[in-house]
């Protein structure tokens, strides 16, 4: 697994949280995953695709939980103070 691609996926999820409050059409993530997996051997494609899609889900859940800690009434797509995400780094939450 290319760590740079994994970081790009997490950055896109973070950007979706800030710009769409956790909602997007997913086209950019799908394109990134598709382009990456097409560059791999057939034996590696399925595993890489699964891993990256799991990373998308895990990152979205992690960021959503961070928003919920600050705004328990928040739901996906509902606007929130995106400054809440300043306490989040990719893969790491810091409670301020």
Protein backbone atom coordinates (compact mmCIF):
# COMPACT_ATOMS: atom_id res chain seq x y z
CA UNK A 1 0.00 0.00 0.00
CA UNK A 2 1.35 3.37 -0.98
CA UNK A 3 1.26 5.54 2.15
CA UNK A 4 0.98 8.69 0.01
CA UNK A 5 -2.28 7.46 -1.53
CA UNK A 6 -3.62 6.58 1.91
CA UNK A 7 -2.80 10.10 3.12
CA UNK A 8 -4.46 11.61 0.03
CA UNK A 9 -7.63 9.64 0.75
CA UNK A 10 -7.68 10.85 4.35
CA UNK A 11 -7.10 14.43 3.22
CA UNK A 12 -10.05 14.24 0.82
CA UNK A 13 -12.28 12.94 3.64
CA UNK A 14 -11.09 15.81 5.83
CA UNK A 15 -11.80 18.30 3.04
CA UNK A 16 -15.30 16.86 2.60
CA UNK A 17 -15.92 17.33 6.31
CA UNK A 18 -14.94 20.98 6.10
CA UNK A 19 -16.64 21.85 2.82
CA UNK A 20 -19.69 19.57 2.80
CA UNK A 21 -20.09 18.87 6.52
CA UNK A 22 -19.27 15.22 5.85
CA UNK A 23 -21.33 14.81 2.69
CA UNK A 24 -20.00 14.51 -0.85
CA UNK A 25 -20.68 12.67 -4.07
CA UNK A 26 -17.48 10.68 -3.50
CA UNK A 27 -16.33 11.02 -7.08
CA UNK A 28 -12.89 12.36 -6.15
CA UNK A 29 -12.20 9.55 -3.69
CA UNK A 30 -13.50 6.94 -6.12
CA UNK A 31 -11.31 8.30 -8.89
CA UNK A 32 -8.22 8.29 -6.67
CA UNK A 33 -8.84 4.72 -5.53
CA UNK A 34 -9.66 3.54 -9.05
CA UNK A 35 -6.58 5.17 -10.57
CA UNK A 36 -4.32 3.78 -7.87
CA UNK A 37 -5.67 0.24 -8.00
CA UNK A 38 -5.43 0.20 -11.81
CA UNK A 39 -1.70 0.78 -11.42
CA UNK A 40 -1.31 -2.37 -9.32
CA UNK A 41 -1.01 -6.01 -10.26
CA UNK A 42 -4.33 -7.88 -10.43
CA UNK A 43 -3.40 -9.74 -7.26
CA UNK A 44 -3.03 -6.49 -5.31
CA UNK A 45 -6.10 -4.61 -6.59
CA UNK A 46 -8.80 -6.06 -4.37
CA UNK A 47 -6.79 -5.76 -1.17
CA UNK A 48 -5.73 -2.18 -1.92
CA UNK A 49 -9.25 -1.13 -2.85
CA UNK A 50 -10.67 -2.67 0.33
CA UNK A 51 -7.99 -1.06 2.51
CA UNK A 52 -8.52 2.39 1.02
CA UNK A 53 -12.31 2.18 1.29
CA UNK A 54 -11.97 1.11 4.92
CA UNK A 55 -9.68 4.11 5.48
CA UNK A 56 -12.37 6.41 4.01
CA UNK A 57 -14.99 4.99 6.35
CA UNK A 58 -12.75 5.02 9.43
CA UNK A 59 -11.60 8.59 8.85
CA UNK A 60 -15.16 9.82 8.28
CA UNK A 61 -16.36 8.11 11.47
CA UNK A 62 -13.42 9.51 13.46
CA UNK A 63 -14.04 13.05 12.24
CA UNK A 64 -17.80 12.71 12.75
CA UNK A 65 -17.24 11.58 16.34
CA UNK A 66 -15.02 14.60 16.93
CA UNK A 67 -17.75 16.93 15.69
CA UNK A 68 -20.33 15.10 17.87
CA UNK A 69 -18.18 15.65 20.96
CA UNK A 70 -18.42 19.40 20.37
CA UNK A 71 -21.98 19.46 19.00
CA UNK A 72 -24.05 16.45 20.10
CA UNK A 73 -26.98 17.54 17.93
CA UNK A 74 -24.90 17.51 14.74
CA UNK A 75 -25.78 15.13 11.91
CA UNK A 76 -24.12 14.46 8.54
CA UNK A 77 -24.61 17.36 6.16
CA UNK A 78 -25.70 19.75 8.91
CA UNK A 79 -23.46 22.83 9.16
CA UNK A 80 -21.09 23.05 12.10
CA UNK A 81 -18.21 25.27 13.19
CA UNK A 82 -15.42 23.80 11.07
CA UNK A 83 -12.94 25.17 13.60
CA UNK A 84 -13.84 22.02 15.56
CA UNK A 85 -11.70 20.13 13.07
CA UNK A 86 -8.64 22.20 13.97
CA UNK A 87 -8.17 19.79 16.87
CA UNK A 88 -8.01 16.85 14.44
CA UNK A 89 -5.02 15.73 12.50
CA UNK A 90 -5.09 12.86 10.06
CA UNK A 91 -5.57 9.78 12.18
CA UNK A 92 -5.13 11.60 15.50
CA UNK A 93 -7.61 13.50 17.66
CA UNK A 94 -6.42 16.03 20.18
CA UNK A 95 -9.06 17.10 22.66
CA UNK A 96 -8.71 20.77 23.42
